[in-house]
C-alpha atoms as a PDB file:
ATOM      1  CA  MET A   1     116.266  82.558 126.298  1.00  0.00           C
ATOM      2  CA  LEU A   2     115.782  84.295 122.710  1.00  0.00           C
ATOM      3  CA  ASN A   3     118.719  84.937 120.667  1.00  0.00           C
ATOM      4  CA  ARG A   4     118.522  88.759 119.676  1.00  0.00           C
ATOM      5  CA  THR A   5     121.088  90.348 117.171  1.00  0.00           C
ATOM      6  CA  PHE A   6     120.984  94.009 117.359  1.00  0.00           C
ATOM      7  CA  ARG A   7     122.112  95.925 114.326  1.00  0.00           C
ATOM      8  CA  ARG A   8     123.450  99.581 114.053  1.00  0.00           C
ATOM      9  CA  PHE A   9     121.138 101.766 111.417  1.00  0.00           C
ATOM     10  CA  LEU A  10     121.888 105.220 110.499  1.00  0.00           C
ATOM     11  CA  THR A  11     119.797 107.867 109.066  1.00  0.00           C
ATOM     12  CA  PHE A  12     120.696 111.010 106.810  1.00  0.00           C
ATOM     13  CA  ASP A  13     121.615 113.185 109.721  1.00  0.00           C
ATOM     14  CA  ASP A  14     124.034 110.540 111.131  1.00  0.00           C
ATOM     15  CA  VAL A  15     126.441 110.788 107.945  1.00  0.00           C
ATOM     16  CA  GLY A  16     128.250 112.993 105.499  1.00  0.00           C
ATOM     17  CA  LEU A  17     130.538 112.548 102.513  1.00  0.00           C
ATOM     18  CA  ILE A  18     134.257 113.145 102.448  1.00  0.00           C
ATOM     19  CA  PRO A  19     135.448 115.292  99.505  1.00  0.00           C
ATOM     20  CA  LYS A  20     137.754 113.964  96.730  1.00  0.00           C
ATOM     21  CA  TYR A  21     139.919 115.523  94.311  1.00  0.00           C
ATOM     22  CA  ASN A  22     138.206 117.372  91.582  1.00  0.00           C
ATOM     23  CA  SER A  23     139.380 118.441  88.022  1.00  0.00           C
ATOM     24  CA  ILE A  24     135.984 119.420  86.814  1.00  0.00           C
ATOM     25  CA  THR A  25     135.946 123.285  86.075  1.00  0.00           C
ATOM     26  CA  SER A  26     132.192 123.858  86.504  1.00  0.00           C
ATOM     27  CA  ARG A  27     129.533 122.085  88.105  1.00  0.00           C
ATOM     28  CA  LEU A  28     127.299 122.635  84.847  1.00  0.00           C
ATOM     29  CA  ASN A  29     129.691 120.165  83.292  1.00  0.00           C
ATOM     30  CA  THR A  30     127.821 117.335  85.004  1.00  0.00           C
ATOM     31  CA  SER A  31     125.147 115.093  83.859  1.00  0.00           C
ATOM     32  CA  LEU A  32     122.141 114.236  86.019  1.00  0.00           C
ATOM     33  CA  ASN A  33     120.895 111.547  83.547  1.00  0.00           C
ATOM     34  CA  VAL A  34     119.584 108.582  85.266  1.00  0.00           C
ATOM     35  CA  VAL A  35     117.902 105.151  83.964  1.00  0.00           C
ATOM     36  CA  LEU A  36     115.055 103.788  85.444  1.00  0.00           C
ATOM     37  CA  GLY A  37     113.746 100.318  83.919  1.00  0.00           C
ATOM     38  CA  ASN A  38     113.880 101.129  80.151  1.00  0.00           C
ATOM     39  CA  ASP A  39     113.816 104.814  80.221  1.00  0.00           C
ATOM     40  CA  LEU A  40     116.322 107.550  80.503  1.00  0.00           C
ATOM     41  CA  TYR A  41     115.439 110.885  82.378  1.00  0.00           C
ATOM     42  CA  ASN A  42     117.354 114.131  82.758  1.00  0.00           C
ATOM     43  CA  SER A  43     116.747 114.521  86.455  1.00  0.00           C
ATOM     44  CA  PRO A  44     116.391 112.091  89.280  1.00  0.00           C
ATOM     45  CA  PHE A  45     113.808 113.983  91.483  1.00  0.00           C
ATOM     46  CA  ILE A  46     110.201 112.474  91.571  1.00  0.00           C
ATOM     47  CA  PRO A  47     107.213 114.134  93.123  1.00  0.00           C
ATOM     48  CA  ALA A  48     105.522 111.509  95.555  1.00  0.00           C
ATOM     49  CA  ASN A  49     102.607 109.720  94.313  1.00  0.00           C
ATOM     50  CA  MET A  50     100.212 111.119  96.878  1.00  0.00           C
ATOM     51  CA  ASP A  51      96.891 112.794  96.214  1.00  0.00           C
ATOM     52  CA  SER A  52      98.329 116.105  97.725  1.00  0.00           C
ATOM     53  CA  VAL A  53     101.329 116.213  95.608  1.00  0.00           C
ATOM     54  CA  ILE A  54     101.300 114.889  92.117  1.00  0.00           C
ATOM     55  CA  GLY A  55      98.471 116.103  89.537  1.00  0.00           C
ATOM     56  CA  THR A  56      98.368 117.499  86.062  1.00  0.00           C
ATOM     57  CA  GLU A  57     100.103 120.709  86.481  1.00  0.00           C
ATOM     58  CA  LEU A  58     103.177 119.289  88.349  1.00  0.00           C
ATOM     59  CA  ALA A  59     103.360 116.306  86.026  1.00  0.00           C
ATOM     60  CA  GLN A  60     103.616 118.955  83.206  1.00  0.00           C
ATOM     61  CA  VAL A  61     106.567 120.478  84.956  1.00  0.00           C
ATOM     62  CA  CYS A  62     108.216 117.015  85.549  1.00  0.00           C
ATOM     63  CA  VAL A  63     107.945 116.140  81.764  1.00  0.00           C
ATOM     64  CA  ARG A  64     109.402 119.298  80.771  1.00  0.00           C
ATOM     65  CA  ARG A  65     112.357 118.872  82.992  1.00  0.00           C
ATOM     66  CA  GLY A  66     112.742 115.387  81.975  1.00  0.00           C
ATOM     67  CA  ALA A  67     111.890 114.078  85.462  1.00  0.00           C
ATOM     68  CA  PRO A  68     109.706 110.648  86.029  1.00  0.00           C
ATOM     69  CA  VAL A  69     105.996 111.029  86.817  1.00  0.00           C
ATOM     70  CA  ILE A  70     104.095 108.377  89.000  1.00  0.00           C
ATOM     71  CA  PHE A  71     100.454 109.103  89.422  1.00  0.00           C
ATOM     72  CA  HIS A  72      98.849 108.164  92.476  1.00  0.00           C
ATOM     73  CA  ARG A  73      95.673 105.889  92.363  1.00  0.00           C
ATOM     74  CA  PHE A  74      93.434 107.614  94.493  1.00  0.00           C
ATOM     75  CA  ALA A  75      91.216 109.169  91.573  1.00  0.00           C
ATOM     76  CA  PRO A  76      88.177 108.165  89.436  1.00  0.00           C
ATOM     77  CA  LEU A  77      88.922 105.879  86.612  1.00  0.00           C
ATOM     78  CA  GLU A  78      88.073 108.774  84.246  1.00  0.00           C
ATOM     79  CA  GLN A  79      90.957 110.966  85.747  1.00  0.00           C
ATOM     80  CA  LEU A  80      93.315 107.938  85.544  1.00  0.00           C
ATOM     81  CA  THR A  81      92.460 107.426  81.991  1.00  0.00           C
ATOM     82  CA  LYS A  82      93.054 110.978  81.108  1.00  0.00           C
ATOM     83  CA  TRP A  83      96.515 111.014  82.816  1.00  0.00           C
ATOM     84  CA  ILE A  84      97.377 108.261  80.628  1.00  0.00           C
ATOM     85  CA  GLN A  85      96.422 109.853  77.345  1.00  0.00           C
ATOM     86  CA  GLU A  86      98.038 113.104  78.413  1.00  0.00           C
ATOM     87  CA  PHE A  87     101.287 111.350  79.895  1.00  0.00           C
ATOM     88  CA  PRO A  88     101.820 108.011  77.841  1.00  0.00           C
ATOM     89  CA  PHE A  89     105.220 107.545  79.312  1.00  0.00           C
ATOM     90  CA  SER A  90     104.025 108.019  82.991  1.00  0.00           C
ATOM     91  CA  TYR A  91     103.645 105.430  85.682  1.00  0.00           C
ATOM     92  CA  MET A  92     100.131 104.591  87.246  1.00  0.00           C
ATOM     93  CA  SER A  93      99.797 103.476  90.662  1.00  0.00           C
ATOM     94  CA  ILE A  94      97.716 100.339  91.465  1.00  0.00           C
ATOM     95  CA  GLY A  95      96.773  98.497  94.862  1.00  0.00           C
ATOM     96  CA  VAL A  96      96.512  94.725  95.405  1.00  0.00           C
ATOM     97  CA  THR A  97      93.177  94.329  96.589  1.00  0.00           C
ATOM     98  CA  LYS A  98      90.309  93.820  94.149  1.00  0.00           C
ATOM     99  CA  GLU A  99      88.981  97.202  94.963  1.00  0.00           C
ATOM    100  CA  THR A 100      92.234  98.959  94.479  1.00  0.00           C
ATOM    101  CA  ASN A 101      93.794  96.986  91.673  1.00  0.00           C
ATOM    102  CA  LYS A 102      92.844  98.531  88.432  1.00  0.00           C
ATOM    103  CA  PHE A 103      95.388  97.237  86.449  1.00  0.00           C
ATOM    104  CA  ASN A 104      93.199  95.789  83.605  1.00  0.00           C
ATOM    105  CA  GLU A 105      91.261  99.117  83.125  1.00  0.00           C
ATOM    106  CA  LEU A 106      94.531 100.838  83.054  1.00  0.00           C
ATOM    107  CA  TYR A 107      96.090  98.498  80.660  1.00  0.00           C
ATOM    108  CA  ASP A 108      93.187  98.574  78.380  1.00  0.00           C
ATOM    109  CA  ALA A 109      93.583 102.526  78.381  1.00  0.00           C
ATOM    110  CA  GLY A 110      96.949 102.210  77.100  1.00  0.00           C
ATOM    111  CA  CYS A 111      99.165 102.158  80.331  1.00  0.00           C
ATOM    112  CA  ARG A 112     102.431  99.992  80.309  1.00  0.00           C
ATOM    113  CA  ARG A 113     104.073 101.355  83.232  1.00  0.00           C
ATOM    114  CA  PHE A 114     102.576 100.387  86.824  1.00  0.00           C
ATOM    115  CA  CYS A 115     103.580 101.197  90.437  1.00  0.00           C
ATOM    116  CA  ILE A 116     102.476  98.610  92.977  1.00  0.00           C
ATOM    117  CA  ASP A 117     102.195 100.692  95.999  1.00  0.00           C
ATOM    118  CA  ILE A 118     101.394  99.608  99.268  1.00  0.00           C
ATOM    119  CA  ALA A 119     102.845 100.542 102.935  1.00  0.00           C
ATOM    120  CA  HIS A 120     104.618  97.103 103.479  1.00  0.00           C
ATOM    121  CA  GLY A 121     105.620  96.019  99.993  1.00  0.00           C
ATOM    122  CA  HIS A 122     107.492  92.985 101.251  1.00  0.00           C
ATOM    123  CA  SER A 123     104.445  90.862 101.336  1.00  0.00           C
ATOM    124  CA  GLN A 124     102.921  87.790  99.433  1.00  0.00           C
ATOM    125  CA  GLN A 125     100.240  90.017  97.805  1.00  0.00           C
ATOM    126  CA  VAL A 126     102.803  92.182  96.087  1.00  0.00           C
ATOM    127  CA  VAL A 127     104.938  89.109  94.824  1.00  0.00           C
ATOM    128  CA  ASP A 128     101.785  87.621  93.475  1.00  0.00           C
ATOM    129  CA  ILE A 129     100.631  90.551  91.541  1.00  0.00           C
ATOM    130  CA  ILE A 130     104.148  91.107  90.126  1.00  0.00           C
ATOM    131  CA  LYS A 131     104.163  87.637  88.934  1.00  0.00           C
ATOM    132  CA  GLU A 132     100.785  87.664  87.623  1.00  0.00           C
ATOM    133  CA  ILE A 133     101.442  90.892  85.545  1.00  0.00           C
ATOM    134  CA  LYS A 134     104.811  89.982  84.299  1.00  0.00           C
ATOM    135  CA  GLY A 135     103.692  86.417  83.450  1.00  0.00           C
ATOM    136  CA  THR A 136     100.916  87.958  81.089  1.00  0.00           C
ATOM    137  CA  TYR A 137     102.601  91.051  80.030  1.00  0.00           C
ATOM    138  CA  PRO A 138     106.298  90.832  80.212  1.00  0.00           C
ATOM    139  CA  LYS A 139     106.925  94.082  78.549  1.00  0.00           C
ATOM    140  CA  CYS A 140     105.196  95.983  81.185  1.00  0.00           C
ATOM    141  CA  GLN A 141     107.650  98.075  83.594  1.00  0.00           C
ATOM    142  CA  ILE A 142     106.772  97.662  87.275  1.00  0.00           C
ATOM    143  CA  ILE A 143     107.788  99.631  90.269  1.00  0.00           C
ATOM    144  CA  ALA A 144     107.110  97.911  93.665  1.00  0.00           C
ATOM    145  CA  GLY A 145     107.320  98.738  97.142  1.00  0.00           C
ATOM    146  CA  ASN A 146     107.711 100.044  99.753  1.00  0.00           C
ATOM    147  CA  VAL A 147     110.564  97.856 101.426  1.00  0.00           C
ATOM    148  CA  CYS A 148     113.438  98.924 103.842  1.00  0.00           C
ATOM    149  CA  THR A 149     115.433  95.669 103.869  1.00  0.00           C
ATOM    150  CA  ALA A 150     117.871  93.784 101.417  1.00  0.00           C
ATOM    151  CA  GLU A 151     115.475  90.831 101.719  1.00  0.00           C
ATOM    152  CA  GLY A 152     112.636  92.664 100.687  1.00  0.00           C
ATOM    153  CA  PHE A 153     114.349  94.215  97.821  1.00  0.00           C
ATOM    154  CA  CYS A 154     115.470  90.941  96.771  1.00  0.00           C
ATOM    155  CA  ASP A 155     112.164  89.160  96.743  1.00  0.00           C
ATOM    156  CA  LEU A 156     110.302  91.794  94.658  1.00  0.00           C
ATOM    157  CA  VAL A 157     113.030  91.965  92.041  1.00  0.00           C
ATOM    158  CA  LYS A 158     113.379  88.098  91.720  1.00  0.00           C
ATOM    159  CA  ALA A 159     109.388  88.146  91.347  1.00  0.00           C
ATOM    160  CA  GLY A 160     109.855  90.477  88.487  1.00  0.00           C
ATOM    161  CA  ALA A 161     109.650  94.141  89.650  1.00  0.00           C
ATOM    162  CA  ASP A 162     111.796  96.518  87.516  1.00  0.00           C
ATOM    163  CA  ILE A 163     112.264  99.228  90.242  1.00  0.00           C
ATOM    164  CA  ILE A 164     111.942  99.221  93.865  1.00  0.00           C
ATOM    165  CA  LYS A 165     110.800 101.963  96.261  1.00  0.00           C
ATOM    166  CA  VAL A 166     112.720 101.848  99.339  1.00  0.00           C
ATOM    167  CA  GLY A 167     111.457 103.613 102.560  1.00  0.00           C
ATOM    168  CA  VAL A 168     109.299 102.541 105.241  1.00  0.00           C
ATOM    169  CA  GLY A 169     108.545 105.336 107.745  1.00  0.00           C
ATOM    170  CA  PRO A 170     110.832 108.368 106.952  1.00  0.00           C
ATOM    171  CA  GLY A 171     108.060 110.365 105.241  1.00  0.00           C
ATOM    172  CA  ALA A 172     106.876 113.827 107.085  1.00  0.00           C
ATOM    173  CA  ALA A 173     103.257 112.675 107.065  1.00  0.00           C
ATOM    174  CA  CYS A 174     103.968 109.239 108.269  1.00  0.00           C
ATOM    175  CA  THR A 175     103.742 107.694 111.792  1.00  0.00           C
ATOM    176  CA  THR A 176     104.249 104.146 110.971  1.00  0.00           C
ATOM    177  CA  ARG A 177     107.118 103.881 113.290  1.00  0.00           C
ATOM    178  CA  ILE A 178     105.329 105.659 116.120  1.00  0.00           C
ATOM    179  CA  MET A 179     102.414 103.473 115.713  1.00  0.00           C
ATOM    180  CA  THR A 180     104.171 100.063 115.360  1.00  0.00           C
ATOM    181  CA  GLY A 181     107.737 100.542 116.207  1.00  0.00           C
ATOM    182  CA  VAL A 182     108.580  99.104 112.656  1.00  0.00           C
ATOM    183  CA  GLY A 183     111.065 100.731 110.056  1.00  0.00           C
ATOM    184  CA  VAL A 184     114.687 101.104 109.298  1.00  0.00           C
ATOM    185  CA  PRO A 185     116.451 104.410 109.326  1.00  0.00           C
ATOM    186  CA  GLN A 186     116.447 105.605 105.715  1.00  0.00           C
ATOM    187  CA  PHE A 187     120.297 105.854 104.898  1.00  0.00           C
ATOM    188  CA  SER A 188     120.930 102.280 106.105  1.00  0.00           C
ATOM    189  CA  ALA A 189     117.819 101.155 104.302  1.00  0.00           C
ATOM    190  CA  LEU A 190     118.997 102.449 101.054  1.00  0.00           C
ATOM    191  CA  GLN A 191     122.670 101.357 101.707  1.00  0.00           C
ATOM    192  CA  GLU A 192     121.490  97.623 102.284  1.00  0.00           C
ATOM    193  CA  CYS A 193     119.381  97.789  99.403  1.00  0.00           C
ATOM    194  CA  ALA A 194     121.833  99.218  97.158  1.00  0.00           C
ATOM    195  CA  GLU A 195     124.261  96.382  98.053  1.00  0.00           C
ATOM    196  CA  MET A 196     121.556  93.799  97.081  1.00  0.00           C
ATOM    197  CA  LYS A 197     120.890  95.633  93.780  1.00  0.00           C
ATOM    198  CA  LEU A 198     124.619  94.936  92.942  1.00  0.00           C
ATOM    199  CA  ARG A 199     124.479  91.567  94.016  1.00  0.00           C
ATOM    200  CA  LEU A 200     121.290  90.932  91.959  1.00  0.00           C
ATOM    201  CA  ARG A 201     122.765  92.419  89.078  1.00  0.00           C
ATOM    202  CA  ASP A 202     125.813  90.079  89.285  1.00  0.00           C
ATOM    203  CA  GLU A 203     123.185  87.102  89.047  1.00  0.00           C
ATOM    204  CA  GLY A 204     121.526  88.519  85.925  1.00  0.00           C
ATOM    205  CA  TYR A 205     118.762  90.840  87.383  1.00  0.00           C
ATOM    206  CA  GLN A 206     118.749  94.545  86.393  1.00  0.00           C
ATOM    207  CA  ALA A 207     117.278  96.269  89.141  1.00  0.00           C
ATOM    208  CA  TYR A 208     116.646 100.007  89.861  1.00  0.00           C
ATOM    209  CA  MET A 209     115.903 101.888  93.238  1.00  0.00           C
ATOM    210  CA  ILE A 210     113.958 104.807  94.263  1.00  0.00           C
ATOM    211  CA  ALA A 211     114.591 106.324  97.718  1.00  0.00           C
ATOM    212  CA  ASP A 212     111.256 107.304  99.097  1.00  0.00           C
ATOM    213  CA  GLY A 213     110.922 109.635 102.099  1.00  0.00           C
ATOM    214  CA  GLY A 214     112.932 111.390 104.590  1.00  0.00           C
ATOM    215  CA  ILE A 215     114.388 114.261 102.251  1.00  0.00           C
ATOM    216  CA  LYS A 216     114.468 117.674 104.082  1.00  0.00           C
ATOM    217  CA  HIS A 217     117.361 119.164 102.280  1.00  0.00           C
ATOM    218  CA  PRO A 218     119.249 118.704  99.075  1.00  0.00           C
ATOM    219  CA  ARG A 219     122.152 117.007 101.206  1.00  0.00           C
ATOM    220  CA  ASP A 220     119.650 114.190 102.067  1.00  0.00           C
ATOM    221  CA  ALA A 221     119.023 113.703  98.275  1.00  0.00           C
ATOM    222  CA  CYS A 222     122.709 113.904  97.571  1.00  0.00           C
ATOM    223  CA  LEU A 223     123.535 111.197 100.283  1.00  0.00           C
ATOM    224  CA  ALA A 224     120.608 108.806  98.837  1.00  0.00           C
ATOM    225  CA  ILE A 225     121.872 109.020  95.486  1.00  0.00           C
ATOM    226  CA  ALA A 226     125.599 108.779  96.598  1.00  0.00           C
ATOM    227  CA  VAL A 227     124.890 105.411  98.514  1.00  0.00           C
ATOM    228  CA  GLY A 228     123.179 103.968  95.448  1.00  0.00           C
ATOM    229  CA  ALA A 229     119.665 105.322  94.701  1.00  0.00           C
ATOM    230  CA  ASP A 230     118.792 105.822  90.962  1.00  0.00           C
ATOM    231  CA  ALA A 231     116.284 108.292  91.778  1.00  0.00           C
ATOM    232  CA  VAL A 232     114.835 110.255  94.867  1.00  0.00           C
ATOM    233  CA  MET A 233     110.946 110.680  95.749  1.00  0.00           C
ATOM    234  CA  MET A 234     109.919 113.774  97.740  1.00  0.00           C
ATOM    235  CA  GLY A 235     106.329 114.529  99.004  1.00  0.00           C
ATOM    236  CA  THR A 236     106.574 117.666 101.463  1.00  0.00           C
ATOM    237  CA  VAL A 237     109.165 119.446  99.179  1.00  0.00           C
ATOM    238  CA  PHE A 238     106.931 119.129  96.278  1.00  0.00           C
ATOM    239  CA  ALA A 239     103.746 119.770  98.099  1.00  0.00           C
ATOM    240  CA  ARG A 240     104.999 123.074  98.916  1.00  0.00           C
ATOM    241  CA  THR A 241     105.066 124.260  95.245  1.00  0.00           C
ATOM    242  CA  PHE A 242     102.394 126.318  93.524  1.00  0.00           C
ATOM    243  CA  GLU A 243     101.709 123.369  90.824  1.00  0.00           C
ATOM    244  CA  SER A 244     101.234 120.857  93.650  1.00  0.00           C
ATOM    245  CA  ALA A 245      97.849 118.943  93.728  1.00  0.00           C
ATOM    246  CA  ALA A 246      97.486 120.214  97.591  1.00  0.00           C
ATOM    247  CA  LYS A 247      94.275 121.965  98.131  1.00  0.00           C
ATOM    248  CA  LYS A 248      95.368 125.652  98.532  1.00  0.00           C
ATOM    249  CA  GLU A 249      93.987 128.751 100.203  1.00  0.00           C
ATOM    250  CA  LYS A 250      95.086 132.270 100.351  1.00  0.00           C
ATOM    251  CA  ARG A 251      95.068 133.666 104.048  1.00  0.00           C
ATOM    252  CA  GLN A 252      94.552 137.078 105.255  1.00  0.00           C
ATOM    253  CA  ASP A 253      98.115 138.071 105.354  1.00  0.00           C
ATOM    254  CA  GLY A 254      98.425 137.108 101.757  1.00  0.00           C
ATOM    255  CA  SER A 255     100.253 133.786 102.261  1.00  0.00           C
ATOM    256  CA  ILE A 256      99.084 130.805 100.514  1.00  0.00           C
ATOM    257  CA  HIS A 257      98.826 127.316 102.129  1.00  0.00           C
ATOM    258  CA  GLY A 258      98.276 123.798 101.080  1.00  0.00           C
ATOM    259  CA  ARG A 259      97.053 120.875 102.702  1.00  0.00           C
ATOM    260  CA  TYR A 260      99.413 117.945 102.790  1.00  0.00           C
ATOM    261  CA  ARG A 261      98.251 114.452 103.955  1.00  0.00           C
ATOM    262  CA  GLY A 262      99.563 110.911 104.196  1.00  0.00           C
ATOM    263  CA  GLN A 263      97.481 108.454 102.503  1.00  0.00           C
ATOM    264  CA  ALA A 264      97.303 106.649 105.761  1.00  0.00           C
ATOM    265  CA  SER A 265      96.088 109.788 107.674  1.00  0.00           C
ATOM    266  CA  SER A 266      92.456 109.745 109.088  1.00  0.00           C
ATOM    267  CA  GLU A 267      91.712 112.674 106.873  1.00  0.00           C
ATOM    268  CA  PHE A 268      92.432 111.014 103.793  1.00  0.00           C
ATOM    269  CA  MET A 269      91.064 107.639 104.742  1.00  0.00           C
ATOM    270  CA  GLY A 270      87.743 109.230 105.639  1.00  0.00           C
ATOM    271  CA  ASP A 271      87.637 111.273 102.309  1.00  0.00           C
ATOM    272  CA  TYR A 272      88.459 108.393 100.043  1.00  0.00           C
ATOM    273  CA  PHE A 273      87.326 105.212 101.810  1.00  0.00           C
ATOM    274  CA  GLY A 274      84.555 106.454 104.012  1.00  0.00           C
ATOM    275  CA  ASN A 275      84.219 106.080 107.781  1.00  0.00           C
ATOM    276  CA  GLU A 276      83.083 102.433 107.386  1.00  0.00           C
ATOM    277  CA  LYS A 277      86.485 101.395 105.970  1.00  0.00           C
ATOM    278  CA  MET A 278      88.624 103.525 108.570  1.00  0.00           C
ATOM    279  CA  ARG A 279      91.451 101.901 110.151  1.00  0.00           C
ATOM    280  CA  GLN A 280      94.129 103.000 112.801  1.00  0.00           C
ATOM    281  CA  PRO A 281      95.939 105.725 111.027  1.00  0.00           C
ATOM    282  CA  GLU A 282      99.463 105.578 110.605  1.00  0.00           C
ATOM    283  CA  GLY A 283      99.927 108.987 109.061  1.00  0.00           C
ATOM    284  CA  VAL A 284      98.924 112.750 109.575  1.00  0.00           C
ATOM    285  CA  ALA A 285      97.862 115.808 107.746  1.00  0.00           C
ATOM    286  CA  PHE A 286      98.853 119.384 107.944  1.00  0.00           C
ATOM    287  CA  ASP A 287      99.201 122.604 106.086  1.00  0.00           C
ATOM    288  CA  VAL A 288     102.310 123.697 104.473  1.00  0.00           C
ATOM    289  CA  GLU A 289     103.150 127.140 103.111  1.00  0.00           C
ATOM    290  CA  ILE A 290     103.391 127.339  99.410  1.00  0.00           C
ATOM    291  CA  THR A 291     106.383 129.562  98.662  1.00  0.00           C
ATOM    292  CA  LYS A 292     108.091 128.136  95.328  1.00  0.00           C
ATOM    293  CA  SER A 293     107.403 126.910  91.866  1.00  0.00           C
ATOM    294  CA  ALA A 294     108.353 123.369  90.983  1.00  0.00           C
ATOM    295  CA  ASP A 295     111.120 124.806  88.715  1.00  0.00           C
ATOM    296  CA  ASN A 296     112.601 126.399  91.766  1.00  0.00           C
ATOM    297  CA  ILE A 297     112.775 123.069  93.537  1.00  0.00           C
ATOM    298  CA  PHE A 298     114.064 121.245  90.578  1.00  0.00           C
ATOM    299  CA  ASP A 299     116.914 124.030  90.413  1.00  0.00           C
ATOM    300  CA  TYR A 300     117.605 123.818  94.103  1.00  0.00           C
ATOM    301  CA  TYR A 301     117.958 120.127  94.355  1.00  0.00           C
ATOM    302  CA  GLU A 302     119.720 119.762  90.887  1.00  0.00           C
ATOM    303  CA  GLY A 303     122.007 122.418  91.903  1.00  0.00           C
ATOM    304  CA  GLY A 304     122.852 120.857  95.337  1.00  0.00           C
ATOM    305  CA  LEU A 305     123.488 117.607  93.526  1.00  0.00           C
ATOM    306  CA  ARG A 306     125.691 118.966  90.575  1.00  0.00           C
ATOM    307  CA  SER A 307     127.642 120.835  93.529  1.00  0.00           C
ATOM    308  CA  SER A 308     128.096 117.410  95.326  1.00  0.00           C
ATOM    309  CA  PHE A 309     129.269 115.871  92.116  1.00  0.00           C
ATOM    310  CA  THR A 310     132.301 118.341  91.983  1.00  0.00           C
ATOM    311  CA  TYR A 311     133.119 117.949  95.558  1.00  0.00           C
ATOM    312  CA  LEU A 312     133.504 114.216  94.654  1.00  0.00           C
ATOM    313  CA  GLY A 313     135.200 114.774  91.413  1.00  0.00           C
ATOM    314  CA  ALA A 314     132.334 113.139  89.585  1.00  0.00           C
ATOM    315  CA  LYS A 315     130.538 113.936  86.188  1.00  0.00           C
ATOM    316  CA  THR A 316     127.837 111.507  86.296  1.00  0.00           C
ATOM    317  CA  VAL A 317     125.696 109.384  88.629  1.00  0.00           C
ATOM    318  CA  SER A 318     127.839 106.421  88.198  1.00  0.00           C
ATOM    319  CA  GLU A 319     131.130 108.320  88.939  1.00  0.00           C
ATOM    320  CA  TYR A 320     129.503 109.942  92.004  1.00  0.00           C
ATOM    321  CA  GLN A 321     128.451 106.696  93.603  1.00  0.00           C
ATOM    322  CA  GLN A 322     131.819 104.980  92.826  1.00  0.00           C
ATOM    323  CA  ASN A 323     133.684 107.885  94.521  1.00  0.00           C
ATOM    324  CA  ALA A 324     131.251 108.226  97.420  1.00  0.00           C
ATOM    325  CA  GLU A 325     133.207 107.593 100.923  1.00  0.00           C
ATOM    326  CA  PHE A 326     130.820 108.163 103.944  1.00  0.00           C
ATOM    327  CA  PHE A 327     131.550 108.773 107.548  1.00  0.00           C
ATOM    328  CA  GLU A 328     129.407 108.347 110.653  1.00  0.00           C
ATOM    329  CA  SER A 329     129.146 111.525 112.877  1.00  0.00           C
ATOM    330  CA  THR A 330     127.919 112.704 116.126  1.00  0.00           C
ATOM    331  CA  SER A 331     124.966 114.892 116.542  1.00  0.00           C
ATOM    332  CA  ALA A 332     127.399 117.864 116.744  1.00  0.00           C
ATOM    333  CA  TYR A 333     127.993 117.490 113.174  1.00  0.00           C
ATOM    334  CA  MET A 334     124.543 118.553 111.931  1.00  0.00           C
ATOM    335  CA  ILE A 335     124.779 121.705 114.428  1.00  0.00           C
ATOM    336  CA  GLU A 336     128.322 122.770 112.967  1.00  0.00           C
ATOM    337  CA  SER A 337     126.999 122.211 109.481  1.00  0.00           C
ATOM    338  CA  ASN A 338     124.007 124.781 109.725  1.00  0.00           C
ATOM    339  CA  SER A 339     124.484 128.432 109.526  1.00  0.00           C
ATOM    340  CA  ARG A 340     124.779 130.232 112.942  1.00  0.00           C
ATOM    341  CA  PRO A 341     124.023 133.902 112.140  1.00  0.00           C
ATOM    342  CA  ASN A 342     123.321 134.689 116.055  1.00  0.00           C
ATOM    343  CA  HIS A 343     126.501 132.976 117.273  1.00  0.00           C
END
């Protein structure tokens, strides 16, 4: 008989934060500064490195807000090079195959920050390319992922990655869990990777973590940072902005909609790779209404996080994480937590 160990994992809707004594007079007296690798940022919120999210306009807003920029890899080399010239401190995404790994071309264009970005980042291919880059160019900064286990986090950090993207299957346009049955609920994935991050720092490894996927409201982002993420990546949230790279159309009722698509959707794969390289999709594409500016989104999520800081009596991300105490709830908690105007 096979020995199976069943573990309990939680997602954002399963947990909450317990308030603590607060002596901060205003939420404006808090700092959202975060460190990722060798860089200091003023905001921990990052638009997803997807072709329907990040582009020139949204990147410009991020730079102005002091937020990280990670460009996607699904653009002609000419466009990628242009982004490097315009945003010299941004990260550029690369793949792991000969066709998708444009490291040499991007390095020659001046890029020194790279995001090795595949669906299952806990793989030999990713480990090998991290070691190859760091062995030749040790001063390059590397984001790698995605993973959802402490083991995956550890292996990529020990291979030489500086920052790890955590999240397998929680994205709004992702169907990996439905197609494969694989993926860890995002809160527990972040919790286990955060604990590994601390253990690795005791061993001398300076690692950082980006929570990628599953963010529906500011509370989710607050929980992600409280449990140990250094930054939070959001796809749908930023795709809904006027500055996103989503293809937009104005409808007869005057509303504006954009096309948001997972990079593993059949729509995207057909456009980018062609039908001859299509595989079974693990993502979908759908229209989203464009309702806010990117500044509105930054204000909304930063405001929620600052307020959460004060509920925990914290002025900084570090204090916030130290003061965080979580509880597991039933499904009734989220019903009670939402507004009920008709009851």
